[in-house]
Amino acid sequence: MKTAIKAIVPGFMVSTYHFALALLAALLYRLPSRRITVVAVTGTKGKSSTIEFLNAIAEAAGKKTALSSTIRFKVGEHSKPNTKRQSTPGRFFLQSFLAKAADAGCSIAFVEMTSEGARQHRHRFVHLDALAFINLAPEHIESHGSLQAYSDAKFELGKQLARSKKRPRFMIANADDPESGRFLSLPVEHTLPFSLSAAQPFEAGERGGHFTFDGREIEVKLPGEFSLKNTLAAATVMRALGFPLEAIARGIASVTKIPGRAEEITAGQTFPVIVDYAHTPDSLRALYSAYGDRRKICVLGSTGGGRDLWKRRVMGGVADEFCDSIILTDEDPYDEEARSIVDSIASGITKKKPEIIMDRRAAIRRAIESAQAGDVVLITGKGTDPTIQLARGKSIPWSDADVAREELRKLQDIR
């Protein structure tokens, strides 16, 4: 139905409709963002993790917080999983969330913002105090029409910061990303670049690492260089907002696990099992690199519904480069034939022979059963997604973490 409407209704009318809804939602809830400090995070990868670090820092400083991310919604002490399969929720939900946060006495809210949300004006009439741009890589190309259009949609979020009535406003951007220049040129009071190369000395491994910030070593307890970049972004934001260095260090060190983000599933086995949301070539490469020389057993698929067809073969190539054993499986086929998606991924694998197991539970079971002490099982693509999406809007409940845990326990019982 949505596709049919888009085909017959002019684009400007659709945009006007979304804008009007955003205005109505803001007025209905009386512009709640004016009553609370609002920090937004955007980028292709790492948004939810960065928000978890931001929240931990604020809590370490004794602040009552709220957050909205792909992983969860939180207002004060109350937290619930995000089951909407939207990183930036709808306009009415978002304004309601900010109103509840302000009414509950939260002093700061952290909000994940996306290009898809920007296209539908979900960000409009949210007055931002700060925006963090963490990276940009190809994604949603079919949806936006081109990489440039995707980048421009991200930049709309920067424009929203410039429109904000708040003062002062802070723009924080990853200087190592080529797209950071135009974010850092926005007409706001403070523009602050961050760069891991400027955080020397730093070290990253599968058990965490550290970097240097404002003359202090900051300990990070999550794996990979990507975790250092996310935490550095969070540290830069919170330092700009006046949070003490001690709270920044303590908050970051307190984060030992983020659901669906390099999440280790343990049941007494002799090898790590990792569940991660990685669903682009860049994010796969970053995750696989974090586990060094371990023998890697990789379970992966790709989303259907015509989404980012280009990346399937490339993801297969990344798995071919890093993984010792590759198991291809179903993910979210939507209205596509699931096997054709897997075959597209397999076309990028030329050095190894992937195993194809379309049943996702069976694929995870196979990976776990084949693992030996010292190996690592890496299950990617869904993270905390609560369902597998099928054709005609149908879905089935799902959790990679729960399934991995169940299969590990079965294996322990057998052994």
Protein backbone atom coordinates (compact mmCIF):
# COMPACT_ATOMS: atom_id res chain seq x y z
CA MET A 1 0.00 0.00 0.00
CA LYS A 2 2.75 2.46 0.96
CA THR A 3 4.63 1.71 -2.26
CA ALA A 4 1.49 2.30 -4.33
CA ILE A 5 0.83 5.63 -2.61
CA LYS A 6 4.38 6.78 -3.21
CA ALA A 7 4.06 5.89 -6.89
CA ILE A 8 1.03 8.12 -7.49
CA VAL A 9 1.48 10.99 -5.01
CA PRO A 10 4.05 13.71 -5.90
CA GLY A 11 7.11 13.76 -3.66
CA PHE A 12 6.53 17.33 -2.45
CA MET A 13 3.06 16.38 -1.23
CA VAL A 14 4.43 13.43 0.73
CA SER A 15 7.10 15.68 2.25
CA THR A 16 4.51 18.32 3.16
CA TYR A 17 2.35 15.66 4.79
CA HIS A 18 5.24 14.46 6.96
CA PHE A 19 6.22 18.04 7.84
CA ALA A 20 2.67 18.84 8.90
CA LEU A 21 2.55 15.77 11.12
CA ALA A 22 5.85 16.79 12.74
CA LEU A 23 4.49 20.28 13.46
CA LEU A 24 1.23 18.89 14.83
CA ALA A 25 3.08 16.46 17.11
CA ALA A 26 5.34 19.20 18.46
CA LEU A 27 2.40 21.51 19.15
CA LEU A 28 0.33 18.72 20.70
CA TYR A 29 3.09 18.03 23.23
CA ARG A 30 3.97 21.74 23.61
CA LEU A 31 7.49 21.65 22.16
CA PRO A 32 8.95 19.50 24.97
CA SER A 33 12.53 19.68 23.67
CA ARG A 34 12.67 23.27 24.95
CA ARG A 35 12.37 21.93 28.50
CA ILE A 36 15.24 19.44 28.44
CA THR A 37 18.79 19.20 27.11
CA VAL A 38 18.66 17.14 23.91
CA VAL A 39 21.71 15.46 22.38
CA ALA A 40 21.27 13.71 19.02
CA VAL A 41 23.61 11.17 17.45
CA THR A 42 23.74 10.37 13.74
CA GLY A 43 25.94 8.30 11.46
CA THR A 44 25.86 5.00 9.62
CA LYS A 45 27.35 2.82 12.36
CA GLY A 46 27.66 3.04 16.13
CA LYS A 47 24.77 5.37 16.96
CA SER A 48 23.13 3.16 19.58
CA SER A 49 26.43 2.27 21.23
CA THR A 50 27.45 5.92 21.40
CA ILE A 51 24.13 6.75 23.05
CA GLU A 52 24.72 4.05 25.67
CA PHE A 53 28.10 5.61 26.49
CA LEU A 54 26.59 9.11 26.62
CA ASN A 55 23.90 7.89 28.98
CA ALA A 56 26.42 6.11 31.22
CA ILE A 57 28.50 9.27 31.54
CA ALA A 58 25.49 11.37 32.47
CA GLU A 59 24.38 8.80 35.04
CA ALA A 60 27.90 8.67 36.47
CA ALA A 61 27.58 12.41 37.03
CA GLY A 62 24.34 11.86 38.92
CA LYS A 63 21.94 13.04 36.20
CA LYS A 64 18.50 11.64 35.56
CA THR A 65 18.46 10.65 31.90
CA ALA A 66 16.31 9.57 28.99
CA LEU A 67 17.30 7.89 25.74
CA SER A 68 15.76 6.73 22.47
CA SER A 69 17.75 4.33 20.30
CA THR A 70 17.49 1.26 18.11
CA ILE A 71 18.08 -0.82 21.24
CA ARG A 72 15.75 0.69 23.82
CA PHE A 73 13.68 3.58 25.17
CA LYS A 74 14.48 4.86 28.66
CA VAL A 75 12.96 7.55 30.86
CA GLY A 76 14.57 7.79 34.27
CA GLU A 77 14.63 4.35 35.85
CA HIS A 78 12.16 2.88 33.37
CA SER A 79 13.60 1.15 30.29
CA LYS A 80 12.00 -1.05 27.64
CA PRO A 81 13.28 -2.65 24.42
CA ASN A 82 12.65 -0.88 21.14
CA THR A 83 10.39 -3.33 19.30
CA LYS A 84 9.37 -0.82 16.60
CA ARG A 85 12.21 -1.69 14.20
CA GLN A 86 12.75 2.05 13.80
CA SER A 87 15.89 3.80 15.01
CA THR A 88 14.12 7.17 14.99
CA PRO A 89 10.51 6.54 16.04
CA GLY A 90 7.51 8.35 14.61
CA ARG A 91 6.91 12.05 15.20
CA PHE A 92 4.18 11.66 17.80
CA PHE A 93 6.11 8.98 19.67
CA LEU A 94 9.28 11.08 19.71
CA GLN A 95 7.57 14.25 20.95
CA SER A 96 5.66 12.21 23.54
CA PHE A 97 8.92 10.60 24.66
CA LEU A 98 10.57 14.01 25.15
CA ALA A 99 7.52 15.29 27.03
CA LYS A 100 7.56 12.29 29.36
CA ALA A 101 11.29 12.75 29.94
CA ALA A 102 10.88 16.43 30.82
CA ASP A 103 7.84 15.77 33.02
CA ALA A 104 9.74 12.99 34.84
CA GLY A 105 12.50 15.44 35.77
CA CYS A 106 15.14 14.12 33.38
CA SER A 107 17.76 16.78 32.76
CA ILE A 108 19.11 15.33 29.51
CA ALA A 109 17.85 13.12 26.67
CA PHE A 110 19.91 11.26 24.08
CA VAL A 111 18.21 10.59 20.75
CA GLU A 112 19.29 8.49 17.78
CA MET A 113 18.52 10.23 14.48
CA THR A 114 18.63 8.68 11.02
CA SER A 115 18.49 9.64 7.37
CA GLU A 116 15.21 7.77 6.91
CA GLY A 117 13.74 9.70 9.82
CA ALA A 118 15.02 12.97 8.36
CA ARG A 119 13.28 12.25 5.04
CA GLN A 120 10.01 12.06 6.95
CA HIS A 121 10.77 15.18 9.05
CA ARG A 122 10.72 13.20 12.29
CA HIS A 123 13.56 15.42 13.54
CA ARG A 124 11.76 18.69 12.87
CA PHE A 125 10.71 20.83 15.83
CA VAL A 126 13.14 18.99 18.10
CA HIS A 127 15.38 21.74 19.45
CA LEU A 128 18.84 20.27 19.84
CA ASP A 129 21.60 21.34 22.20
CA ALA A 130 24.19 19.11 20.53
CA LEU A 131 24.61 16.79 17.56
CA ALA A 132 27.30 14.14 17.16
CA PHE A 133 28.16 12.95 13.65
CA ILE A 134 30.21 9.76 13.96
CA ASN A 135 30.66 8.37 10.42
CA LEU A 136 29.15 7.86 6.99
CA ALA A 137 29.33 4.76 4.80
CA PRO A 138 27.14 3.51 1.93
CA GLU A 139 23.73 2.35 3.14
CA HIS A 140 20.07 2.83 2.16
CA ILE A 141 21.24 3.67 -1.37
CA GLU A 142 18.15 2.26 -3.10
CA SER A 143 15.92 4.13 -0.70
CA HIS A 144 17.65 7.50 -1.10
CA GLY A 145 18.60 7.14 -4.74
CA SER A 146 22.33 7.79 -4.37
CA LEU A 147 25.11 8.03 -1.81
CA GLN A 148 25.00 11.82 -2.14
CA ALA A 149 21.29 11.87 -1.38
CA TYR A 150 21.92 9.67 1.66
CA SER A 151 24.65 12.06 2.83
CA ASP A 152 22.37 15.05 2.25
CA ALA A 153 19.64 13.44 4.35
CA LYS A 154 22.14 13.02 7.18
CA PHE A 155 23.14 16.65 6.82
CA GLU A 156 19.51 17.69 7.29
CA LEU A 157 20.07 16.74 10.92
CA GLY A 158 22.94 19.22 11.06
CA LYS A 159 20.63 21.87 9.67
CA GLN A 160 18.19 21.03 12.45
CA LEU A 161 20.90 21.85 15.00
CA ALA A 162 21.47 25.17 13.21
CA ARG A 163 17.70 25.88 13.40
CA SER A 164 17.55 25.10 17.12
CA LYS A 165 16.52 27.89 19.48
CA LYS A 166 18.87 26.53 22.14
CA ARG A 167 22.06 28.40 23.07
CA PRO A 168 24.84 27.49 22.99
CA ARG A 169 24.72 24.74 20.36
CA PHE A 170 27.46 22.12 19.92
CA MET A 171 28.40 20.27 16.73
CA ILE A 172 30.74 17.33 17.33
CA ALA A 173 32.05 15.43 14.30
CA ASN A 174 34.50 12.67 13.50
CA ALA A 175 37.36 14.47 11.76
CA ASP A 176 38.59 11.16 10.32
CA ASP A 177 35.45 10.98 8.16
CA PRO A 178 35.47 12.94 4.88
CA GLU A 179 31.88 14.08 5.47
CA SER A 180 32.77 15.86 8.72
CA GLY A 181 33.76 19.10 6.98
CA ARG A 182 30.30 20.39 6.25
CA PHE A 183 29.02 19.43 9.70
CA LEU A 184 31.88 21.36 11.27
CA SER A 185 31.09 24.38 9.07
CA LEU A 186 27.55 24.75 10.45
CA PRO A 187 26.73 28.19 11.90
CA VAL A 188 26.57 27.17 15.56
CA GLU A 189 28.41 28.43 18.62
CA HIS A 190 30.78 25.48 19.05
CA THR A 191 32.15 23.03 16.46
CA LEU A 192 34.35 20.32 17.91
CA PRO A 193 36.19 17.67 15.85
CA PHE A 194 37.37 14.41 17.37
CA SER A 195 39.84 11.90 15.97
CA LEU A 196 41.16 8.60 17.25
CA SER A 197 44.52 9.47 15.72
CA ALA A 198 44.67 12.41 18.14
CA ALA A 199 43.84 10.17 21.11
CA GLN A 200 47.29 8.57 21.29
CA PRO A 201 48.30 6.37 22.85
CA PHE A 202 45.37 4.03 22.28
CA GLU A 203 44.94 0.28 22.09
CA ALA A 204 42.04 -1.94 21.08
CA GLY A 205 41.50 -5.68 21.44
CA GLU A 206 38.72 -8.20 21.80
CA ARG A 207 38.46 -7.58 25.54
CA GLY A 208 38.49 -3.81 25.30
CA GLY A 209 41.16 -1.17 25.22
CA HIS A 210 41.95 2.42 26.10
CA PHE A 211 42.58 5.84 24.60
CA THR A 212 43.87 9.17 25.81
CA PHE A 213 41.43 12.02 26.34
CA ASP A 214 42.20 15.40 27.84
CA GLY A 215 45.45 13.99 29.23
CA ARG A 216 43.80 10.98 30.89
CA GLU A 217 43.72 7.33 29.95
CA ILE A 218 40.12 6.23 29.38
CA GLU A 219 39.42 2.53 29.80
CA VAL A 220 36.95 0.89 27.39
CA LYS A 221 35.58 -2.56 28.19
CA LEU A 222 34.04 -3.39 24.81
CA PRO A 223 35.95 -4.89 21.88
CA GLY A 224 37.44 -3.35 18.79
CA GLU A 225 38.70 -0.04 17.52
CA PHE A 226 35.11 0.87 16.65
CA SER A 227 34.29 0.91 20.38
CA LEU A 228 37.11 3.38 20.98
CA LYS A 229 35.68 5.68 18.30
CA ASN A 230 32.19 5.51 19.78
CA THR A 231 33.44 6.25 23.28
CA LEU A 232 35.66 9.08 22.04
CA ALA A 233 32.62 10.67 20.38
CA ALA A 234 30.68 10.37 23.64
CA ALA A 235 33.54 11.78 25.69
CA THR A 236 33.89 14.77 23.36
CA VAL A 237 30.17 15.56 23.55
CA MET A 238 29.97 15.33 27.30
CA ARG A 239 33.15 17.30 27.93
CA ALA A 240 31.76 20.05 25.69
CA LEU A 241 28.58 20.08 27.77
CA GLY A 242 30.65 20.62 30.91
CA PHE A 243 30.70 17.13 32.40
CA PRO A 244 33.77 16.40 34.56
CA LEU A 245 36.52 14.15 33.26
CA GLU A 246 36.12 11.82 36.23
CA ALA A 247 32.46 11.16 35.35
CA ILE A 248 33.41 10.59 31.71
CA ALA A 249 36.03 7.98 32.64
CA ARG A 250 33.82 6.30 35.23
CA GLY A 251 30.78 6.23 32.95
CA ILE A 252 32.62 4.72 29.99
CA ALA A 253 34.28 2.07 32.18
CA SER A 254 30.87 1.10 33.58
CA VAL A 255 29.63 -0.09 30.18
CA THR A 256 30.59 -3.75 29.98
CA LYS A 257 27.82 -4.98 27.68
CA ILE A 258 25.45 -3.49 25.10
CA PRO A 259 22.65 -5.77 23.84
CA GLY A 260 23.19 -6.84 20.25
CA ARG A 261 26.42 -4.89 19.90
CA ALA A 262 29.41 -7.24 20.08
CA GLU A 263 27.36 -8.95 22.80
CA GLU A 264 29.04 -12.04 24.20
CA ILE A 265 26.72 -14.94 24.97
CA THR A 266 28.09 -17.27 27.63
CA ALA A 267 26.91 -20.64 28.91
CA GLY A 268 30.14 -22.17 30.16
CA GLN A 269 31.60 -22.85 26.69
CA THR A 270 35.31 -22.58 25.86
CA PHE A 271 34.88 -20.14 22.97
CA PRO A 272 33.18 -16.76 22.70
CA VAL A 273 29.86 -16.47 20.88
CA ILE A 274 29.18 -12.92 19.69
CA VAL A 275 25.88 -11.41 18.54
CA ASP A 276 26.21 -8.15 16.64
CA TYR A 277 24.05 -5.86 14.51
CA ALA A 278 26.76 -5.56 11.80
CA HIS A 279 24.88 -5.47 8.50
CA THR A 280 27.15 -3.50 6.17
CA PRO A 281 30.56 -4.39 4.69
CA ASP A 282 32.32 -1.78 6.84
CA SER A 283 30.71 -2.92 10.07
CA LEU A 284 31.46 -6.58 9.31
CA ARG A 285 35.09 -5.73 8.62
CA ALA A 286 35.36 -3.77 11.88
CA LEU A 287 33.80 -6.59 13.92
CA TYR A 288 35.85 -9.38 12.36
CA SER A 289 39.07 -7.36 12.81
CA ALA A 290 38.39 -7.05 16.54
CA TYR A 291 38.89 -10.80 17.03
CA GLY A 292 42.38 -10.94 15.56
CA ASP A 293 43.86 -14.33 14.79
CA ARG A 294 41.10 -16.46 16.30
CA ARG A 295 39.52 -19.03 14.01
CA LYS A 296 36.29 -17.33 13.02
CA ILE A 297 33.01 -19.14 12.37
CA CYS A 298 30.72 -16.56 10.83
CA VAL A 299 26.93 -16.70 10.51
CA LEU A 300 25.47 -14.01 8.27
CA GLY A 301 22.69 -13.09 5.88
CA SER A 302 21.26 -9.86 4.46
CA THR A 303 18.00 -7.97 4.50
CA GLY A 304 15.53 -8.40 1.65
CA GLY A 305 12.81 -6.15 0.34
CA GLY A 306 15.10 -4.59 -2.27
CA ARG A 307 17.30 -3.00 0.39
CA ASP A 308 20.92 -2.26 -0.54
CA LEU A 309 21.28 -4.97 -3.15
CA TRP A 310 24.84 -3.79 -3.90
CA LYS A 311 26.17 -4.77 -0.49
CA ARG A 312 25.31 -8.47 -0.55
CA ARG A 313 28.17 -9.58 -2.77
CA VAL A 314 30.54 -7.20 -0.97
CA MET A 315 29.59 -8.63 2.42
CA GLY A 316 30.33 -12.08 1.06
CA GLY A 317 33.76 -10.83 0.04
CA VAL A 318 34.44 -9.48 3.54
CA ALA A 319 33.44 -12.83 5.08
CA ASP A 320 35.67 -14.58 2.54
CA GLU A 321 38.60 -12.43 3.65
CA PHE A 322 38.20 -12.76 7.42
CA CYS A 323 36.24 -15.93 8.23
CA ASP A 324 37.59 -19.46 8.40
CA SER A 325 34.12 -21.00 8.22
CA ILE A 326 31.13 -19.24 6.63
CA ILE A 327 27.50 -20.17 7.22
CA LEU A 328 24.97 -18.22 5.15
CA THR A 329 21.39 -18.05 6.38
CA ASP A 330 18.07 -16.25 6.30
CA GLU A 331 17.76 -12.83 7.93
CA ASP A 332 14.80 -10.60 7.00
CA PRO A 333 13.63 -11.62 3.53
CA TYR A 334 10.50 -9.46 3.43
CA ASP A 335 8.97 -10.07 -0.03
CA GLU A 336 12.13 -11.46 -1.65
CA GLU A 337 12.93 -15.12 -2.10
CA ALA A 338 15.24 -15.86 0.82
CA ARG A 339 17.51 -18.24 -1.07
CA SER A 340 18.20 -15.66 -3.79
CA ILE A 341 19.46 -13.22 -1.13
CA VAL A 342 21.85 -15.83 0.22
CA ASP A 343 23.00 -16.73 -3.28
CA SER A 344 23.84 -13.06 -3.88
CA ILE A 345 26.05 -13.05 -0.79
CA ALA A 346 27.65 -16.33 -1.87
CA SER A 347 28.58 -14.81 -5.23
CA GLY A 348 31.16 -12.67 -3.43
CA ILE A 349 32.82 -15.68 -1.79
CA THR A 350 35.52 -17.06 -4.07
CA LYS A 351 38.20 -18.51 -1.78
CA LYS A 352 36.13 -20.61 0.58
CA LYS A 353 33.06 -22.79 0.24
CA PRO A 354 30.23 -21.40 2.35
CA GLU A 355 27.70 -23.65 4.01
CA ILE A 356 24.11 -22.63 3.31
CA ILE A 357 21.57 -23.34 6.05
CA MET A 358 18.40 -21.35 5.49
CA ASP A 359 16.88 -22.04 8.91
CA ARG A 360 18.54 -19.39 11.09
CA ARG A 361 18.35 -21.42 14.32
CA ALA A 362 19.88 -24.43 12.57
CA ALA A 363 22.63 -22.20 11.19
CA ILE A 364 23.46 -20.88 14.66
CA ARG A 365 23.37 -24.43 16.04
CA ARG A 366 25.75 -25.62 13.34
CA ALA A 367 28.21 -22.81 14.08
CA ILE A 368 28.19 -23.55 17.81
CA GLU A 369 28.53 -27.31 17.35
CA SER A 370 31.51 -26.87 15.03
CA ALA A 371 33.40 -24.48 17.32
CA GLN A 372 36.43 -25.62 19.29
CA ALA A 373 38.22 -24.06 22.25
CA GLY A 374 39.79 -20.77 21.19
CA ASP A 375 37.51 -20.23 18.17
CA VAL A 376 34.98 -17.42 17.99
CA VAL A 377 31.42 -17.66 16.64
CA LEU A 378 30.20 -14.38 15.13
CA ILE A 379 26.44 -14.07 14.48
CA THR A 380 25.68 -10.86 12.62
CA GLY A 381 22.88 -8.91 10.99
CA LYS A 382 20.07 -8.71 13.52
CA GLY A 383 21.49 -7.62 16.86
CA THR A 384 18.45 -6.92 19.04
CA ASP A 385 15.88 -7.12 16.22
CA PRO A 386 12.83 -8.76 17.83
CA THR A 387 11.41 -10.37 14.68
CA ILE A 388 12.26 -11.93 11.34
CA GLN A 389 10.34 -9.98 8.70
CA LEU A 390 8.47 -11.94 6.04
CA ALA A 391 6.31 -11.05 3.03
CA ARG A 392 3.05 -9.07 3.27
CA GLY A 393 3.93 -7.54 6.62
CA LYS A 394 4.13 -10.85 8.45
CA SER A 395 6.83 -11.59 11.00
CA ILE A 396 7.91 -14.19 13.52
CA PRO A 397 9.34 -13.43 16.97
CA TRP A 398 13.10 -13.75 17.11
CA SER A 399 16.21 -13.08 19.20
CA ASP A 400 19.69 -14.06 18.03
CA ALA A 401 20.96 -13.79 21.61
CA ASP A 402 18.23 -16.03 23.05
CA VAL A 403 18.64 -18.63 20.30
CA ALA A 404 22.42 -18.70 20.73
CA ARG A 405 22.02 -19.08 24.48
CA GLU A 406 19.50 -21.91 24.05
CA GLU A 407 21.71 -23.76 21.60
CA LEU A 408 24.76 -23.37 23.86
CA ARG A 409 22.83 -24.87 26.76
CA LYS A 410 21.72 -27.80 24.62
CA LEU A 411 25.33 -28.39 23.65
CA GLN A 412 26.44 -28.29 27.28
CA ASP A 413 23.75 -30.83 28.18
CA ILE A 414 24.94 -33.18 25.43
CA ARG A 415 28.58 -32.89 26.41
